[in-house]
Amino acid sequence: MPMREVPGGVEIDLWVQPRASKTSVVGPQGDAIKVRVAAPPVDGKANAELVRFLAKRLGVPRSAVEVVRGETGRRKTVRIAGLTPAEARTRLGAPPR
């Protein structure tokens, strides 16, 4: 399950594709949500772009978005403070579970 409720928010499992032409949510990718990121995976640029994009798309401050697993890999888990899984699904445009 790509989203689960945690104390104070939600965790989302992502499959991140760096160096895309634009940053966007693609949809389901196995047991994760695929996100294309328009930044290279160098010096944390892809993670910074991912955090910026998710904060804007989810309507939360950047400080509410944290990469908690997979900092250097394509498979990541992010924690979003202040949202429920249902709110996150709706705002990301992810299919309901």
PDB file of N, CA and C in Angstrom:
ATOM      1  N   MET A   1       0.845  -1.180   0.000  1.00  0.00           N
ATOM      2  CA  MET A   1       0.000   0.000   0.000  1.00  0.00           C
ATOM      3  C   MET A   1       0.889   1.241   0.000  1.00  0.00           C
ATOM      4  N   PRO A   2       0.744   2.124  -0.979  1.00  0.00           N
ATOM      5  CA  PRO A   2       1.665   3.253  -1.079  1.00  0.00           C
ATOM      6  C   PRO A   2       1.443   4.361  -0.052  1.00  0.00           C
ATOM      7  N   MET A   3       0.274   4.371   0.639  1.00  0.00           N
ATOM      8  CA  MET A   3       0.021   5.404   1.645  1.00  0.00           C
ATOM      9  C   MET A   3      -0.455   4.760   2.929  1.00  0.00           C
ATOM     10  N   ARG A   4       0.051   5.282   4.034  1.00  0.00           N
ATOM     11  CA  ARG A   4      -0.414   4.796   5.324  1.00  0.00           C
ATOM     12  C   ARG A   4      -0.391   5.944   6.327  1.00  0.00           C
ATOM     13  N   GLU A   5      -1.346   5.874   7.221  1.00  0.00           N
ATOM     14  CA  GLU A   5      -1.436   6.893   8.254  1.00  0.00           C
ATOM     15  C   GLU A   5      -0.378   6.642   9.314  1.00  0.00           C
ATOM     16  N   VAL A   6       0.268   7.700   9.739  1.00  0.00           N
ATOM     17  CA  VAL A   6       1.246   7.654  10.822  1.00  0.00           C
ATOM     18  C   VAL A   6       0.876   8.775  11.797  1.00  0.00           C
ATOM     19  N   PRO A   7       1.369   8.739  13.015  1.00  0.00           N
ATOM     20  CA  PRO A   7       1.032   9.812  13.957  1.00  0.00           C
ATOM     21  C   PRO A   7       1.378  11.190  13.381  1.00  0.00           C
ATOM     22  N   GLY A   8       0.383  12.038  13.263  1.00  0.00           N
ATOM     23  CA  GLY A   8       0.586  13.397  12.780  1.00  0.00           C
ATOM     24  C   GLY A   8       0.571  13.568  11.278  1.00  0.00           C
ATOM     25  N   GLY A   9       0.335  12.498  10.506  1.00  0.00           N
ATOM     26  CA  GLY A   9       0.335  12.676   9.058  1.00  0.00           C
ATOM     27  C   GLY A   9       0.211  11.384   8.286  1.00  0.00           C
ATOM     28  N   VAL A  10       0.903  11.344   7.154  1.00  0.00           N
ATOM     29  CA  VAL A  10       0.820  10.203   6.246  1.00  0.00           C
ATOM     30  C   VAL A  10       2.206   9.922   5.671  1.00  0.00           C
ATOM     31  N   GLU A  11       2.504   8.647   5.410  1.00  0.00           N
ATOM     32  CA  GLU A  11       3.721   8.271   4.691  1.00  0.00           C
ATOM     33  C   GLU A  11       3.310   7.743   3.327  1.00  0.00           C
ATOM     34  N   ILE A  12       4.070   8.117   2.310  1.00  0.00           N
ATOM     35  CA  ILE A  12       3.778   7.722   0.932  1.00  0.00           C
ATOM     36  C   ILE A  12       5.019   7.078   0.337  1.00  0.00           C
ATOM     37  N   ASP A  13       4.845   5.889  -0.254  1.00  0.00           N
ATOM     38  CA  ASP A  13       5.942   5.210  -0.951  1.00  0.00           C
ATOM     39  C   ASP A  13       5.949   5.698  -2.396  1.00  0.00           C
ATOM     40  N   LEU A  14       7.122   6.134  -2.850  1.00  0.00           N
ATOM     41  CA  LEU A  14       7.250   6.698  -4.197  1.00  0.00           C
ATOM     42  C   LEU A  14       8.335   5.978  -4.986  1.00  0.00           C
ATOM     43  N   TRP A  15       8.170   5.960  -6.299  1.00  0.00           N
ATOM     44  CA  TRP A  15       9.204   5.546  -7.238  1.00  0.00           C
ATOM     45  C   TRP A  15       9.516   6.809  -8.020  1.00  0.00           C
ATOM     46  N   VAL A  16      10.715   7.342  -7.878  1.00  0.00           N
ATOM     47  CA  VAL A  16      11.068   8.640  -8.442  1.00  0.00           C
ATOM     48  C   VAL A  16      11.957   8.472  -9.661  1.00  0.00           C
ATOM     49  N   GLN A  17      11.565   9.133 -10.744  1.00  0.00           N
ATOM     50  CA  GLN A  17      12.341   9.128 -11.983  1.00  0.00           C
ATOM     51  C   GLN A  17      12.940  10.520 -12.176  1.00  0.00           C
ATOM     52  N   PRO A  18      14.254  10.655 -11.967  1.00  0.00           N
ATOM     53  CA  PRO A  18      14.889  11.968 -12.143  1.00  0.00           C
ATOM     54  C   PRO A  18      15.108  12.294 -13.623  1.00  0.00           C
ATOM     55  N   ARG A  19      15.493  13.544 -13.874  1.00  0.00           N
ATOM     56  CA  ARG A  19      15.804  14.047 -15.222  1.00  0.00           C
ATOM     57  C   ARG A  19      14.630  13.963 -16.192  1.00  0.00           C
ATOM     58  N   ALA A  20      13.422  14.149 -15.703  1.00  0.00           N
ATOM     59  CA  ALA A  20      12.248  14.169 -16.579  1.00  0.00           C
ATOM     60  C   ALA A  20      12.128  15.559 -17.204  1.00  0.00           C
ATOM     61  N   SER A  21      11.304  15.665 -18.242  1.00  0.00           N
ATOM     62  CA  SER A  21      11.128  16.974 -18.873  1.00  0.00           C
ATOM     63  C   SER A  21      10.339  17.920 -17.971  1.00  0.00           C
ATOM     64  N   LYS A  22       9.425  17.364 -17.143  1.00  0.00           N
ATOM     65  CA  LYS A  22       8.729  18.187 -16.158  1.00  0.00           C
ATOM     66  C   LYS A  22       8.371  17.316 -14.958  1.00  0.00           C
ATOM     67  N   THR A  23       8.192  17.948 -13.817  1.00  0.00           N
ATOM     68  CA  THR A  23       7.856  17.233 -12.598  1.00  0.00           C
ATOM     69  C   THR A  23       6.355  16.965 -12.570  1.00  0.00           C
ATOM     70  N   SER A  24       5.987  15.693 -12.356  1.00  0.00           N
ATOM     71  CA  SER A  24       4.567  15.335 -12.341  1.00  0.00           C
ATOM     72  C   SER A  24       4.365  13.982 -11.679  1.00  0.00           C
ATOM     73  N   VAL A  25       3.119  13.753 -11.232  1.00  0.00           N
ATOM     74  CA  VAL A  25       2.715  12.446 -10.715  1.00  0.00           C
ATOM     75  C   VAL A  25       2.272  11.632 -11.921  1.00  0.00           C
ATOM     76  N   VAL A  26       2.828  10.432 -12.071  1.00  0.00           N
ATOM     77  CA  VAL A  26       2.496   9.571 -13.205  1.00  0.00           C
ATOM     78  C   VAL A  26       1.338   8.652 -12.859  1.00  0.00           C
ATOM     79  N   GLY A  27       1.408   8.026 -11.684  1.00  0.00           N
ATOM     80  CA  GLY A  27       0.375   7.083 -11.255  1.00  0.00           C
ATOM     81  C   GLY A  27       1.000   5.902 -10.554  1.00  0.00           C
ATOM     82  N   PRO A  28       0.243   4.812 -10.407  1.00  0.00           N
ATOM     83  CA  PRO A  28       0.766   3.640  -9.693  1.00  0.00           C
ATOM     84  C   PRO A  28       1.967   3.018 -10.401  1.00  0.00           C
ATOM     85  N   GLN A  29       2.921   2.547  -9.605  1.00  0.00           N
ATOM     86  CA  GLN A  29       4.106   1.836 -10.106  1.00  0.00           C
ATOM     87  C   GLN A  29       4.353   0.710  -9.122  1.00  0.00           C
ATOM     88  N   GLY A  30       3.777  -0.451  -9.383  1.00  0.00           N
ATOM     89  CA  GLY A  30       3.890  -1.557  -8.430  1.00  0.00           C
ATOM     90  C   GLY A  30       3.183  -1.197  -7.141  1.00  0.00           C
ATOM     91  N   ASP A  31       3.908  -1.250  -6.031  1.00  0.00           N
ATOM     92  CA  ASP A  31       3.312  -0.892  -4.742  1.00  0.00           C
ATOM     93  C   ASP A  31       3.727   0.520  -4.307  1.00  0.00           C
ATOM     94  N   ALA A  32       3.952   1.397  -5.281  1.00  0.00           N
ATOM     95  CA  ALA A  32       4.334   2.781  -5.005  1.00  0.00           C
ATOM     96  C   ALA A  32       3.622   3.694  -5.999  1.00  0.00           C
ATOM     97  N   ILE A  33       3.824   5.001  -5.832  1.00  0.00           N
ATOM     98  CA  ILE A  33       3.314   5.992  -6.776  1.00  0.00           C
ATOM     99  C   ILE A  33       4.515   6.557  -7.512  1.00  0.00           C
ATOM    100  N   LYS A  34       4.453   6.556  -8.837  1.00  0.00           N
ATOM    101  CA  LYS A  34       5.572   7.055  -9.642  1.00  0.00           C
ATOM    102  C   LYS A  34       5.465   8.562  -9.811  1.00  0.00           C
ATOM    103  N   VAL A  35       6.597   9.227  -9.558  1.00  0.00           N
ATOM    104  CA  VAL A  35       6.693  10.676  -9.720  1.00  0.00           C
ATOM    105  C   VAL A  35       7.908  10.965 -10.586  1.00  0.00           C
ATOM    106  N   ARG A  36       7.702  11.726 -11.636  1.00  0.00           N
ATOM    107  CA  ARG A  36       8.825  12.189 -12.470  1.00  0.00           C
ATOM    108  C   ARG A  36       9.298  13.521 -11.917  1.00  0.00           C
ATOM    109  N   VAL A  37      10.617  13.681 -11.856  1.00  0.00           N
ATOM    110  CA  VAL A  37      11.207  14.886 -11.281  1.00  0.00           C
ATOM    111  C   VAL A  37      12.138  15.524 -12.304  1.00  0.00           C
ATOM    112  N   ALA A  38      11.940  16.814 -12.553  1.00  0.00           N
ATOM    113  CA  ALA A  38      12.745  17.545 -13.532  1.00  0.00           C
ATOM    114  C   ALA A  38      14.017  18.085 -12.893  1.00  0.00           C
ATOM    115  N   ALA A  39      14.796  17.200 -12.311  1.00  0.00           N
ATOM    116  CA  ALA A  39      16.079  17.573 -11.705  1.00  0.00           C
ATOM    117  C   ALA A  39      16.974  16.348 -11.739  1.00  0.00           C
ATOM    118  N   PRO A  40      18.282  16.562 -11.848  1.00  0.00           N
ATOM    119  CA  PRO A  40      19.201  15.420 -11.848  1.00  0.00           C
ATOM    120  C   PRO A  40      19.409  14.885 -10.431  1.00  0.00           C
ATOM    121  N   PRO A  41      19.765  13.605 -10.311  1.00  0.00           N
ATOM    122  CA  PRO A  41      20.008  13.032  -8.988  1.00  0.00           C
ATOM    123  C   PRO A  41      21.413  13.354  -8.484  1.00  0.00           C
ATOM    124  N   VAL A  42      21.746  14.636  -8.438  1.00  0.00           N
ATOM    125  CA  VAL A  42      23.090  15.081  -8.061  1.00  0.00           C
ATOM    126  C   VAL A  42      22.968  16.108  -6.940  1.00  0.00           C
ATOM    127  N   ASP A  43      23.773  15.951  -5.906  1.00  0.00           N
ATOM    128  CA  ASP A  43      23.831  16.914  -4.799  1.00  0.00           C
ATOM    129  C   ASP A  43      22.467  17.188  -4.172  1.00  0.00           C
ATOM    130  N   GLY A  44      21.578  16.201  -4.140  1.00  0.00           N
ATOM    131  CA  GLY A  44      20.281  16.365  -3.506  1.00  0.00           C
ATOM    132  C   GLY A  44      19.268  17.175  -4.287  1.00  0.00           C
ATOM    133  N   LYS A  45      19.588  17.497  -5.551  1.00  0.00           N
ATOM    134  CA  LYS A  45      18.686  18.330  -6.346  1.00  0.00           C
ATOM    135  C   LYS A  45      17.353  17.644  -6.627  1.00  0.00           C
ATOM    136  N   ALA A  46      17.377  16.346  -6.910  1.00  0.00           N
ATOM    137  CA  ALA A  46      16.136  15.620  -7.186  1.00  0.00           C
ATOM    138  C   ALA A  46      15.262  15.567  -5.930  1.00  0.00           C
ATOM    139  N   ASN A  47      15.855  15.327  -4.777  1.00  0.00           N
ATOM    140  CA  ASN A  47      15.087  15.307  -3.524  1.00  0.00           C
ATOM    141  C   ASN A  47      14.499  16.686  -3.224  1.00  0.00           C
ATOM    142  N   ALA A  48      15.269  17.732  -3.446  1.00  0.00           N
ATOM    143  CA  ALA A  48      14.774  19.093  -3.199  1.00  0.00           C
ATOM    144  C   ALA A  48      13.597  19.408  -4.118  1.00  0.00           C
ATOM    145  N   GLU A  49      13.695  19.017  -5.377  1.00  0.00           N
ATOM    146  CA  GLU A  49      12.604  19.242  -6.325  1.00  0.00           C
ATOM    147  C   GLU A  49      11.384  18.418  -5.936  1.00  0.00           C
ATOM    148  N   LEU A  50      11.599  17.185  -5.485  1.00  0.00           N
ATOM    149  CA  LEU A  50      10.493  16.336  -5.042  1.00  0.00           C
ATOM    150  C   LEU A  50       9.765  16.971  -3.857  1.00  0.00           C
ATOM    151  N   VAL A  51      10.500  17.446  -2.873  1.00  0.00           N
ATOM    152  CA  VAL A  51       9.899  18.082  -1.695  1.00  0.00           C
ATOM    153  C   VAL A  51       9.132  19.333  -2.107  1.00  0.00           C
ATOM    154  N   ARG A  52       9.725  20.160  -2.966  1.00  0.00           N
ATOM    155  CA  ARG A  52       9.066  21.380  -3.435  1.00  0.00           C
ATOM    156  C   ARG A  52       7.755  21.050  -4.139  1.00  0.00           C
ATOM    157  N   PHE A  53       7.811  20.090  -5.064  1.00  0.00           N
ATOM    158  CA  PHE A  53       6.639  19.695  -5.835  1.00  0.00           C
ATOM    159  C   PHE A  53       5.536  19.134  -4.935  1.00  0.00           C
ATOM    160  N   LEU A  54       5.893  18.211  -4.041  1.00  0.00           N
ATOM    161  CA  LEU A  54       4.879  17.601  -3.172  1.00  0.00           C
ATOM    162  C   LEU A  54       4.245  18.646  -2.253  1.00  0.00           C
ATOM    163  N   ALA A  55       5.042  19.551  -1.704  1.00  0.00           N
ATOM    164  CA  ALA A  55       4.496  20.588  -0.828  1.00  0.00           C
ATOM    165  C   ALA A  55       3.475  21.437  -1.581  1.00  0.00           C
ATOM    166  N   LYS A  56       3.828  21.839  -2.794  1.00  0.00           N
ATOM    167  CA  LYS A  56       2.910  22.667  -3.585  1.00  0.00           C
ATOM    168  C   LYS A  56       1.659  21.882  -3.958  1.00  0.00           C
ATOM    169  N   ARG A  57       1.829  20.670  -4.449  1.00  0.00           N
ATOM    170  CA  ARG A  57       0.700  19.843  -4.897  1.00  0.00           C
ATOM    171  C   ARG A  57      -0.235  19.469  -3.747  1.00  0.00           C
ATOM    172  N   LEU A  58       0.336  19.233  -2.556  1.00  0.00           N
ATOM    173  CA  LEU A  58      -0.461  18.828  -1.407  1.00  0.00           C
ATOM    174  C   LEU A  58      -0.960  20.011  -0.574  1.00  0.00           C
ATOM    175  N   GLY A  59      -0.484  21.209  -0.882  1.00  0.00           N
ATOM    176  CA  GLY A  59      -0.939  22.391  -0.165  1.00  0.00           C
ATOM    177  C   GLY A  59      -0.435  22.476   1.266  1.00  0.00           C
ATOM    178  N   VAL A  60       0.805  22.044   1.467  1.00  0.00           N
ATOM    179  CA  VAL A  60       1.419  22.104   2.797  1.00  0.00           C
ATOM    180  C   VAL A  60       2.751  22.843   2.684  1.00  0.00           C
ATOM    181  N   PRO A  61       3.284  23.362   3.799  1.00  0.00           N
ATOM    182  CA  PRO A  61       4.606  23.991   3.728  1.00  0.00           C
ATOM    183  C   PRO A  61       5.700  22.961   3.443  1.00  0.00           C
ATOM    184  N   ARG A  62       6.785  23.413   2.854  1.00  0.00           N
ATOM    185  CA  ARG A  62       7.905  22.500   2.562  1.00  0.00           C
ATOM    186  C   ARG A  62       8.402  21.797   3.822  1.00  0.00           C
ATOM    187  N   SER A  63       8.323  22.485   4.942  1.00  0.00           N
ATOM    188  CA  SER A  63       8.793  21.890   6.200  1.00  0.00           C
ATOM    189  C   SER A  63       7.938  20.702   6.630  1.00  0.00           C
ATOM    190  N   ALA A  64       6.744  20.545   6.050  1.00  0.00           N
ATOM    191  CA  ALA A  64       5.861  19.418   6.389  1.00  0.00           C
ATOM    192  C   ALA A  64       6.191  18.169   5.576  1.00  0.00           C
ATOM    193  N   VAL A  65       7.087  18.292   4.589  1.00  0.00           N
ATOM    194  CA  VAL A  65       7.443  17.170   3.715  1.00  0.00           C
ATOM    195  C   VAL A  65       8.869  16.740   4.029  1.00  0.00           C
ATOM    196  N   GLU A  66       9.037  15.435   4.304  1.00  0.00           N
ATOM    197  CA  GLU A  66      10.358  14.924   4.672  1.00  0.00           C
ATOM    198  C   GLU A  66      10.596  13.571   4.000  1.00  0.00           C
ATOM    199  N   VAL A  67      11.757  13.410   3.378  1.00  0.00           N
ATOM    200  CA  VAL A  67      12.154  12.107   2.845  1.00  0.00           C
ATOM    201  C   VAL A  67      12.678  11.298   4.027  1.00  0.00           C
ATOM    202  N   VAL A  68      11.968  10.218   4.381  1.00  0.00           N
ATOM    203  CA  VAL A  68      12.356   9.440   5.558  1.00  0.00           C
ATOM    204  C   VAL A  68      13.102   8.156   5.203  1.00  0.00           C
ATOM    205  N   ARG A  69      12.967   7.679   3.967  1.00  0.00           N
ATOM    206  CA  ARG A  69      13.711   6.493   3.508  1.00  0.00           C
ATOM    207  C   ARG A  69      14.042   6.661   2.030  1.00  0.00           C
ATOM    208  N   GLY A  70      15.212   6.168   1.644  1.00  0.00           N
ATOM    209  CA  GLY A  70      15.589   6.168   0.233  1.00  0.00           C
ATOM    210  C   GLY A  70      16.182   7.461  -0.265  1.00  0.00           C
ATOM    211  N   GLU A  71      16.856   8.165   0.581  1.00  0.00           N
ATOM    212  CA  GLU A  71      17.438   9.461   0.225  1.00  0.00           C
ATOM    213  C   GLU A  71      18.277   9.398  -1.055  1.00  0.00           C
ATOM    214  N   THR A  72      19.003   8.292  -1.265  1.00  0.00           N
ATOM    215  CA  THR A  72      19.888   8.208  -2.428  1.00  0.00           C
ATOM    216  C   THR A  72      19.387   7.254  -3.509  1.00  0.00           C
ATOM    217  N   GLY A  73      18.209   6.681  -3.343  1.00  0.00           N
ATOM    218  CA  GLY A  73      17.690   5.742  -4.336  1.00  0.00           C
ATOM    219  C   GLY A  73      16.445   6.273  -5.026  1.00  0.00           C
ATOM    220  N   ARG A  74      15.977   5.525  -6.006  1.00  0.00           N
ATOM    221  CA  ARG A  74      14.752   5.912  -6.701  1.00  0.00           C
ATOM    222  C   ARG A  74      13.517   5.617  -5.865  1.00  0.00           C
ATOM    223  N   ARG A  75      13.584   4.587  -5.063  1.00  0.00           N
ATOM    224  CA  ARG A  75      12.465   4.201  -4.204  1.00  0.00           C
ATOM    225  C   ARG A  75      12.571   4.990  -2.903  1.00  0.00           C
ATOM    226  N   LYS A  76      11.561   5.797  -2.612  1.00  0.00           N
ATOM    227  CA  LYS A  76      11.599   6.672  -1.445  1.00  0.00           C
ATOM    228  C   LYS A  76      10.307   6.571  -0.650  1.00  0.00           C
ATOM    229  N   THR A  77      10.402   6.887   0.622  1.00  0.00           N
ATOM    230  CA  THR A  77       9.222   7.062   1.458  1.00  0.00           C
ATOM    231  C   THR A  77       9.288   8.482   1.986  1.00  0.00           C
ATOM    232  N   VAL A  78       8.189   9.225   1.777  1.00  0.00           N
ATOM    233  CA  VAL A  78       8.112  10.591   2.291  1.00  0.00           C
ATOM    234  C   VAL A  78       7.023  10.658   3.352  1.00  0.00           C
ATOM    235  N   ARG A  79       7.262  11.486   4.346  1.00  0.00           N
ATOM    236  CA  ARG A  79       6.270  11.727   5.395  1.00  0.00           C
ATOM    237  C   ARG A  79       5.737  13.135   5.211  1.00  0.00           C
ATOM    238  N   ILE A  80       4.403  13.237   5.199  1.00  0.00           N
ATOM    239  CA  ILE A  80       3.740  14.526   5.058  1.00  0.00           C
ATOM    240  C   ILE A  80       2.997  14.798   6.365  1.00  0.00           C
ATOM    241  N   ALA A  81       3.354  15.850   7.057  1.00  0.00           N
ATOM    242  CA  ALA A  81       2.701  16.195   8.323  1.00  0.00           C
ATOM    243  C   ALA A  81       1.394  16.929   8.051  1.00  0.00           C
ATOM    244  N   GLY A  82       0.375  16.599   8.843  1.00  0.00           N
ATOM    245  CA  GLY A  82      -0.869  17.346   8.796  1.00  0.00           C
ATOM    246  C   GLY A  82      -1.890  16.900   7.768  1.00  0.00           C
ATOM    247  N   LEU A  83      -1.682  15.759   7.106  1.00  0.00           N
ATOM    248  CA  LEU A  83      -2.645  15.250   6.122  1.00  0.00           C
ATOM    249  C   LEU A  83      -3.058  13.830   6.473  1.00  0.00           C
ATOM    250  N   THR A  84      -4.248  13.458   6.047  1.00  0.00           N
ATOM    251  CA  THR A  84      -4.684  12.066   6.148  1.00  0.00           C
ATOM    252  C   THR A  84      -4.391  11.386   4.815  1.00  0.00           C
ATOM    253  N   PRO A  85      -4.368  10.055   4.777  1.00  0.00           N
ATOM    254  CA  PRO A  85      -4.183   9.367   3.498  1.00  0.00           C
ATOM    255  C   PRO A  85      -5.239   9.765   2.460  1.00  0.00           C
ATOM    256  N   ALA A  86      -6.481   9.935   2.884  1.00  0.00           N
ATOM    257  CA  ALA A  86      -7.546  10.315   1.943  1.00  0.00           C
ATOM    258  C   ALA A  86      -7.279  11.691   1.336  1.00  0.00           C
ATOM    259  N   GLU A  87      -6.858  12.649   2.159  1.00  0.00           N
ATOM    260  CA  GLU A  87      -6.541  13.990   1.650  1.00  0.00           C
ATOM    261  C   GLU A  87      -5.358  13.933   0.690  1.00  0.00           C
ATOM    262  N   ALA A  88      -4.342  13.162   1.044  1.00  0.00           N
ATOM    263  CA  ALA A  88      -3.160  13.046   0.190  1.00  0.00           C
ATOM    264  C   ALA A  88      -3.527  12.427  -1.160  1.00  0.00           C
ATOM    265  N   ARG A  89      -4.342  11.355  -1.151  1.00  0.00           N
ATOM    266  CA  ARG A  89      -4.765  10.715  -2.405  1.00  0.00           C
ATOM    267  C   ARG A  89      -5.500  11.696  -3.303  1.00  0.00           C
ATOM    268  N   THR A  90      -6.429  12.431  -2.720  1.00  0.00           N
ATOM    269  CA  THR A  90      -7.222  13.395  -3.487  1.00  0.00           C
ATOM    270  C   THR A  90      -6.326  14.474  -4.093  1.00  0.00           C
ATOM    271  N   ARG A  91      -5.446  15.031  -3.307  1.00  0.00           N
ATOM    272  CA  ARG A  91      -4.591  16.129  -3.782  1.00  0.00           C
ATOM    273  C   ARG A  91      -3.533  15.667  -4.779  1.00  0.00           C
ATOM    274  N   LEU A  92      -3.079  14.424  -4.653  1.00  0.00           N
ATOM    275  CA  LEU A  92      -2.099  13.898  -5.614  1.00  0.00           C
ATOM    276  C   LEU A  92      -2.760  13.403  -6.883  1.00  0.00           C
ATOM    277  N   GLY A  93      -4.056  13.129  -6.797  1.00  0.00           N
ATOM    278  CA  GLY A  93      -4.747  12.558  -7.942  1.00  0.00           C
ATOM    279  C   GLY A  93      -4.484  11.065  -8.054  1.00  0.00           C
ATOM    280  N   ALA A  94      -4.120  10.425  -6.926  1.00  0.00           N
ATOM    281  CA  ALA A  94      -3.842   8.993  -6.922  1.00  0.00           C
ATOM    282  C   ALA A  94      -5.161   8.215  -6.861  1.00  0.00           C
ATOM    283  N   PRO A  95      -5.191   7.006  -7.403  1.00  0.00           N
ATOM    284  CA  PRO A  95      -6.418   6.222  -7.356  1.00  0.00           C
ATOM    285  C   PRO A  95      -6.768   5.838  -5.922  1.00  0.00           C
ATOM    286  N   PRO A  96      -8.071   5.785  -5.599  1.00  0.00           N
ATOM    287  CA  PRO A  96      -8.460   5.398  -4.243  1.00  0.00           C
ATOM    288  C   PRO A  96      -8.095   3.969  -3.942  1.00  0.00           C
ATOM    289  N   ARG A  97      -7.861   3.672  -2.665  1.00  0.00           N
ATOM    290  CA  ARG A  97      -7.523   2.316  -2.242  1.00  0.00           C
ATOM    291  C   ARG A  97      -8.641   1.733  -1.439  1.00  0.00           C
TER     292      ARG A  97
END
